[in-house]
Amino acid sequence: MAVSTSINSLPNEILIAILSNFQTKDLLPYAAISRHFYSIVTRTVHRRVITAASLPSNELILECYHPSAKISTPYLSCQKLGTCTVDGEPMVNECARLPEIQRLYSSFRPVVIESNRRSWRFRTSILNLGSGGSEAPPIDQKPCPREDIFLDAGELFSQLCTVTNVVKEGTRHGLFVSHVNVSDGVIRVWRDWLAQRVSKSTEAQDCDTDGTDRVLWADRDQHVGLRFGVTLGPSERMPLLSSLGDDEPVSYTLEYKELLVRSSQLLLATEKSEVQEMVYSGKAIIISSM
């Protein structure tokens, strides 16, 4: 008489080999079958999240600009810093539950890419000369990405369109064989928030342990957020006398410190990029930076 064998009795190696053929969005429902499956699915997704966060075959690019400067603002490349929680705590142990994976963020440092260095250097030069600071850094040094925020009298906030994409570059610069959007949202930069951030010294900002009050989210689900350093803008745009409650014309400079992307969303984007690359093999998407 034949003996029926439960699928749960299969060795982990066989189950992992079978489940590894599924994309993450198709794999997750199997976690509800049993505790055994839940454990295997969780470990599999965790490994995928860590691998995807390093972007071994892709690149994450960031577009962040005032609505009036969409054409003139070049995109930024993003260098991987690590995997952490929204509080900035680094990931130490492997996540044992799926909700723990959902709370992980991939941390990146926005940087100026080689082809856009002159554009950013020009913006940095104008900023420094207008504020009475030193000259722009030499061309062989990477300028720090910055964004000027100008608030007119009575204006409570400014807006920054924030777009993040996972891309894979082709043989020529500006040609992408795959292009997947991660997030397309708008960040509101409030006058009160700017005043509070600039009131703290640079040392105090750098010593923030969690930094959660420095995160400006681009979407309601908090999939993508940016951390900025804040300094006063050009002196000639500042009122002679002002206080925290004044609504006079004011300007600030935001310095890009960190880009946070929810790791699970980044994983889904990289998997979609792989599919897109296979479907559109031999074709290219052209993205030109001004």
Protein backbone atom coordinates (compact mmCIF):
# COMPACT_ATOMS: atom_id res chain seq x y z
CA MET A 1 0.00 0.00 0.00
CA ALA A 2 1.42 3.33 -1.05
CA VAL A 3 2.14 5.83 1.68
CA SER A 4 1.11 9.42 0.97
CA THR A 5 3.77 12.00 1.75
CA SER A 6 2.97 15.55 2.72
CA ILE A 7 4.74 18.30 0.83
CA ASN A 8 5.85 19.63 4.21
CA SER A 9 7.99 16.53 4.62
CA LEU A 10 10.15 17.44 1.64
CA PRO A 11 13.67 18.63 2.49
CA ASN A 12 14.13 22.37 2.70
CA GLU A 13 16.59 22.28 -0.19
CA ILE A 14 13.92 20.91 -2.54
CA LEU A 15 11.26 23.35 -1.38
CA ILE A 16 13.65 26.28 -1.73
CA ALA A 17 14.62 25.13 -5.23
CA ILE A 18 10.95 24.95 -6.23
CA LEU A 19 9.88 28.25 -4.67
CA SER A 20 12.89 30.14 -5.98
CA ASN A 21 11.37 29.98 -9.46
CA PHE A 22 8.52 32.27 -8.41
CA GLN A 23 8.71 36.04 -8.45
CA THR A 24 8.19 37.63 -5.04
CA LYS A 25 4.62 38.78 -5.64
CA ASP A 26 3.69 35.20 -6.64
CA LEU A 27 5.74 33.65 -3.85
CA LEU A 28 4.15 35.48 -0.91
CA PRO A 29 0.77 33.64 -0.98
CA TYR A 30 2.57 30.36 -0.26
CA ALA A 31 3.51 31.68 3.17
CA ALA A 32 -0.08 31.02 4.29
CA ILE A 33 0.15 27.26 3.68
CA SER A 34 1.94 26.33 6.89
CA ARG A 35 4.54 27.49 9.37
CA HIS A 36 7.13 25.53 7.45
CA PHE A 37 6.31 27.35 4.23
CA TYR A 38 6.12 30.66 6.07
CA SER A 39 9.65 30.20 7.35
CA ILE A 40 11.04 29.27 3.94
CA VAL A 41 9.22 32.09 2.15
CA THR A 42 10.42 34.60 4.74
CA ARG A 43 14.05 33.53 4.41
CA THR A 44 13.81 33.55 0.62
CA VAL A 45 12.28 37.03 0.49
CA HIS A 46 14.82 38.32 3.01
CA ARG A 47 17.73 37.11 0.87
CA ARG A 48 16.16 38.64 -2.22
CA VAL A 49 15.66 41.98 -0.48
CA ILE A 50 19.30 42.14 0.57
CA THR A 51 20.50 41.18 -2.91
CA ALA A 52 18.17 43.63 -4.65
CA ALA A 53 19.25 46.47 -2.36
CA SER A 54 22.81 46.17 -3.66
CA LEU A 55 21.52 46.60 -7.23
CA PRO A 56 24.08 44.19 -8.74
CA SER A 57 22.89 44.72 -12.32
CA ASN A 58 20.83 47.90 -12.05
CA GLU A 59 21.12 51.51 -10.97
CA LEU A 60 18.83 53.71 -8.91
CA ILE A 61 18.41 57.27 -10.14
CA LEU A 62 16.68 60.17 -8.43
CA GLU A 63 14.95 63.18 -9.94
CA CYS A 64 14.11 65.86 -7.39
CA TYR A 65 13.15 69.30 -8.61
CA HIS A 66 10.83 72.26 -8.17
CA PRO A 67 7.91 72.00 -10.63
CA SER A 68 9.24 75.03 -12.49
CA ALA A 69 12.71 73.48 -12.93
CA LYS A 70 11.83 70.05 -14.31
CA ILE A 71 13.73 70.45 -17.58
CA SER A 72 16.81 72.16 -16.18
CA THR A 73 17.45 69.84 -13.21
CA PRO A 74 19.65 66.81 -14.00
CA TYR A 75 18.99 63.49 -12.32
CA LEU A 76 21.21 62.08 -9.58
CA SER A 77 22.77 58.66 -9.24
CA CYS A 78 22.37 56.84 -5.92
CA GLN A 79 25.22 55.08 -4.10
CA LYS A 80 24.25 52.26 -1.75
CA LEU A 81 24.94 52.90 1.94
CA GLY A 82 23.25 49.94 3.61
CA THR A 83 19.98 48.46 4.84
CA CYS A 84 18.30 49.92 7.90
CA THR A 85 15.00 50.77 9.55
CA VAL A 86 13.35 54.15 9.16
CA ASP A 87 14.96 55.19 12.46
CA GLY A 88 18.37 54.65 10.92
CA GLU A 89 19.15 51.51 12.92
CA PRO A 90 21.24 49.09 10.81
CA MET A 91 19.89 45.61 10.14
CA VAL A 92 21.74 43.15 12.38
CA ASN A 93 19.92 39.82 12.23
CA GLU A 94 17.92 38.02 9.59
CA CYS A 95 14.24 38.94 9.72
CA ALA A 96 12.08 36.12 11.09
CA ARG A 97 8.73 37.58 10.01
CA LEU A 98 7.46 39.20 6.82
CA PRO A 99 6.31 42.41 8.58
CA GLU A 100 9.90 42.91 9.74
CA ILE A 101 11.06 42.78 6.13
CA GLN A 102 8.40 45.31 5.20
CA ARG A 103 9.94 47.77 7.68
CA LEU A 104 13.38 47.62 6.07
CA TYR A 105 14.72 50.49 3.98
CA SER A 106 17.60 50.63 1.54
CA SER A 107 19.75 53.68 2.17
CA PHE A 108 21.45 55.58 -0.65
CA ARG A 109 23.56 58.70 -1.03
CA PRO A 110 22.50 60.87 -3.99
CA VAL A 111 25.54 61.93 -6.02
CA VAL A 112 26.17 63.89 -9.19
CA ILE A 113 26.97 61.68 -12.16
CA GLU A 114 29.96 62.47 -14.36
CA SER A 115 27.98 63.81 -17.32
CA ASN A 116 26.02 66.23 -15.10
CA ARG A 117 28.91 67.54 -13.00
CA ARG A 118 29.27 70.79 -14.92
CA SER A 119 25.57 71.59 -14.52
CA TRP A 120 25.69 70.98 -10.77
CA ARG A 121 29.03 72.80 -10.47
CA PHE A 122 27.46 75.86 -12.11
CA ARG A 123 24.55 75.74 -9.65
CA THR A 124 26.96 75.37 -6.73
CA SER A 125 29.05 78.29 -7.97
CA ILE A 126 26.00 80.56 -8.21
CA LEU A 127 24.88 79.48 -4.73
CA ASN A 128 28.26 80.15 -3.11
CA LEU A 129 28.81 83.50 -4.79
CA GLY A 130 25.29 84.64 -3.92
CA SER A 131 25.72 83.74 -0.26
CA GLY A 132 29.18 85.27 0.05
CA GLY A 133 30.79 81.87 0.44
CA SER A 134 33.85 80.38 -1.14
CA GLU A 135 34.15 79.50 -4.78
CA ALA A 136 32.80 76.26 -6.20
CA PRO A 137 34.90 73.12 -5.69
CA PRO A 138 37.40 72.19 -8.39
CA ILE A 139 36.05 70.27 -11.34
CA ASP A 140 37.88 67.11 -10.19
CA GLN A 141 35.86 67.09 -6.94
CA LYS A 142 32.28 65.85 -6.84
CA PRO A 143 29.95 68.74 -5.96
CA CYS A 144 27.41 68.02 -3.25
CA PRO A 145 23.87 68.01 -4.67
CA ARG A 146 21.86 70.92 -3.30
CA GLU A 147 18.46 72.46 -3.84
CA ASP A 148 17.52 76.08 -3.20
CA ILE A 149 14.13 76.73 -1.61
CA PHE A 150 12.59 80.21 -1.93
CA LEU A 151 9.44 81.14 -0.02
CA ASP A 152 7.61 84.36 -0.78
CA ALA A 153 5.85 86.39 1.89
CA GLY A 154 2.99 84.38 3.36
CA GLU A 155 4.00 81.20 1.50
CA LEU A 156 3.83 78.26 3.91
CA PHE A 157 5.64 75.61 1.89
CA SER A 158 7.44 74.76 -1.31
CA GLN A 159 7.14 71.56 -3.31
CA LEU A 160 9.68 69.19 -4.80
CA CYS A 161 8.67 66.61 -7.38
CA THR A 162 10.45 63.38 -6.46
CA VAL A 163 10.85 60.52 -8.92
CA THR A 164 12.91 57.37 -8.35
CA ASN A 165 13.59 54.81 -11.07
CA VAL A 166 15.48 51.54 -11.33
CA VAL A 167 17.34 51.51 -14.63
CA LYS A 168 19.89 49.43 -16.47
CA GLU A 169 22.19 51.36 -18.72
CA GLY A 170 23.08 50.11 -22.16
CA THR A 171 26.37 50.40 -23.99
CA ARG A 172 25.91 54.15 -24.51
CA HIS A 173 25.36 56.70 -21.77
CA GLY A 174 21.74 57.86 -21.60
CA LEU A 175 20.42 54.68 -23.22
CA PHE A 176 18.58 52.37 -20.84
CA VAL A 177 17.56 48.83 -21.73
CA SER A 178 15.15 48.79 -18.78
CA HIS A 179 13.41 51.54 -16.83
CA VAL A 180 11.05 50.85 -13.90
CA ASN A 181 9.46 53.53 -11.75
CA VAL A 182 9.66 52.99 -7.99
CA SER A 183 7.92 56.15 -6.85
CA ASP A 184 6.57 59.34 -8.37
CA GLY A 185 5.43 61.80 -5.72
CA VAL A 186 5.68 65.29 -4.31
CA ILE A 187 7.50 66.40 -1.17
CA ARG A 188 6.17 69.40 0.71
CA VAL A 189 8.90 71.41 2.39
CA TRP A 190 7.21 73.48 5.09
CA ARG A 191 8.43 76.89 6.25
CA ASP A 192 8.25 75.90 9.94
CA TRP A 193 10.21 72.70 9.31
CA LEU A 194 12.95 74.61 7.51
CA ALA A 195 13.21 77.16 10.33
CA GLN A 196 13.39 74.44 12.97
CA ARG A 197 16.07 72.50 11.09
CA VAL A 198 18.27 75.50 10.42
CA SER A 199 17.96 76.64 14.04
CA LYS A 200 19.95 73.56 15.05
CA SER A 201 23.67 73.67 14.55
CA THR A 202 25.31 71.48 11.93
CA GLU A 203 26.84 69.43 14.73
CA ALA A 204 23.43 68.84 16.28
CA GLN A 205 21.98 67.71 12.95
CA ASP A 206 24.82 65.28 12.37
CA CYS A 207 24.46 63.84 15.87
CA ASP A 208 20.76 63.01 15.53
CA THR A 209 20.46 59.35 16.49
CA ASP A 210 17.26 58.55 14.63
CA GLY A 211 16.92 61.44 12.21
CA THR A 212 13.21 60.71 11.70
CA ASP A 213 12.34 64.41 11.85
CA ARG A 214 14.65 65.00 8.89
CA VAL A 215 12.83 62.54 6.61
CA LEU A 216 10.53 64.14 4.06
CA TRP A 217 8.30 61.51 2.46
CA ALA A 218 7.35 61.57 -1.21
CA ASP A 219 4.28 59.36 -0.82
CA ARG A 220 1.59 58.51 1.71
CA ASP A 221 2.83 54.93 2.17
CA GLN A 222 6.33 56.20 3.03
CA HIS A 223 8.00 54.08 0.38
CA VAL A 224 10.48 56.83 -0.56
CA GLY A 225 11.89 59.58 1.62
CA LEU A 226 14.77 62.04 1.68
CA ARG A 227 16.95 63.34 4.49
CA PHE A 228 18.30 66.85 4.02
CA GLY A 229 20.75 69.11 5.72
CA VAL A 230 19.36 72.66 5.92
CA THR A 231 21.27 75.94 5.82
CA LEU A 232 20.27 79.55 5.26
CA GLY A 233 20.04 80.62 1.65
CA PRO A 234 21.67 83.60 -0.07
CA SER A 235 21.78 86.58 2.29
CA GLU A 236 20.26 89.03 -0.14
CA ARG A 237 17.04 87.03 -0.22
CA MET A 238 16.75 87.01 3.59
CA PRO A 239 14.83 89.70 5.55
CA LEU A 240 16.91 91.99 7.75
CA LEU A 241 14.85 91.19 10.84
CA SER A 242 12.95 87.96 11.25
CA SER A 243 11.80 85.49 13.84
CA LEU A 244 10.48 81.94 13.81
CA GLY A 245 6.90 83.10 13.36
CA ASP A 246 7.53 85.63 10.59
CA ASP A 247 6.16 84.92 7.12
CA GLU A 248 8.60 87.20 5.32
CA PRO A 249 10.36 86.16 2.09
CA VAL A 250 13.04 83.66 3.00
CA SER A 251 15.40 81.21 1.31
CA TYR A 252 17.12 78.01 2.38
CA THR A 253 19.51 75.52 0.86
CA LEU A 254 18.80 71.81 1.13
CA GLU A 255 21.77 69.46 0.97
CA TYR A 256 21.01 65.89 -0.07
CA LYS A 257 22.10 63.57 2.74
CA GLU A 258 20.26 60.30 2.19
CA LEU A 259 17.61 58.66 0.06
CA LEU A 260 15.48 55.99 1.74
CA VAL A 261 13.62 53.44 -0.39
CA ARG A 262 11.50 50.70 1.13
CA SER A 263 13.47 47.56 0.38
CA SER A 264 10.44 45.48 -0.59
CA GLN A 265 9.44 48.05 -3.22
CA LEU A 266 12.98 48.10 -4.55
CA LEU A 267 12.90 44.31 -4.84
CA LEU A 268 9.66 44.37 -6.84
CA ALA A 269 11.12 47.03 -9.13
CA THR A 270 14.29 45.05 -9.82
CA GLU A 271 12.28 41.93 -10.63
CA LYS A 272 10.10 43.94 -12.99
CA SER A 273 13.25 45.36 -14.55
CA GLU A 274 14.52 41.85 -15.29
CA VAL A 275 11.26 40.96 -17.02
CA GLN A 276 11.26 44.23 -18.94
CA GLU A 277 14.82 43.65 -20.08
CA MET A 278 13.93 40.24 -21.50
CA VAL A 279 10.76 41.48 -23.22
CA TYR A 280 12.39 44.51 -24.76
CA SER A 281 15.72 42.89 -25.54
CA GLY A 282 17.45 44.71 -28.36
CA LYS A 283 15.57 47.94 -27.74
CA ALA A 284 16.53 50.94 -25.64
CA ILE A 285 14.83 53.76 -23.78
CA ILE A 286 16.45 57.16 -24.23
CA ILE A 287 16.58 59.46 -21.23
CA SER A 288 18.47 62.68 -21.80
CA SER A 289 19.59 64.95 -18.98
CA MET A 290 19.68 68.67 -19.59
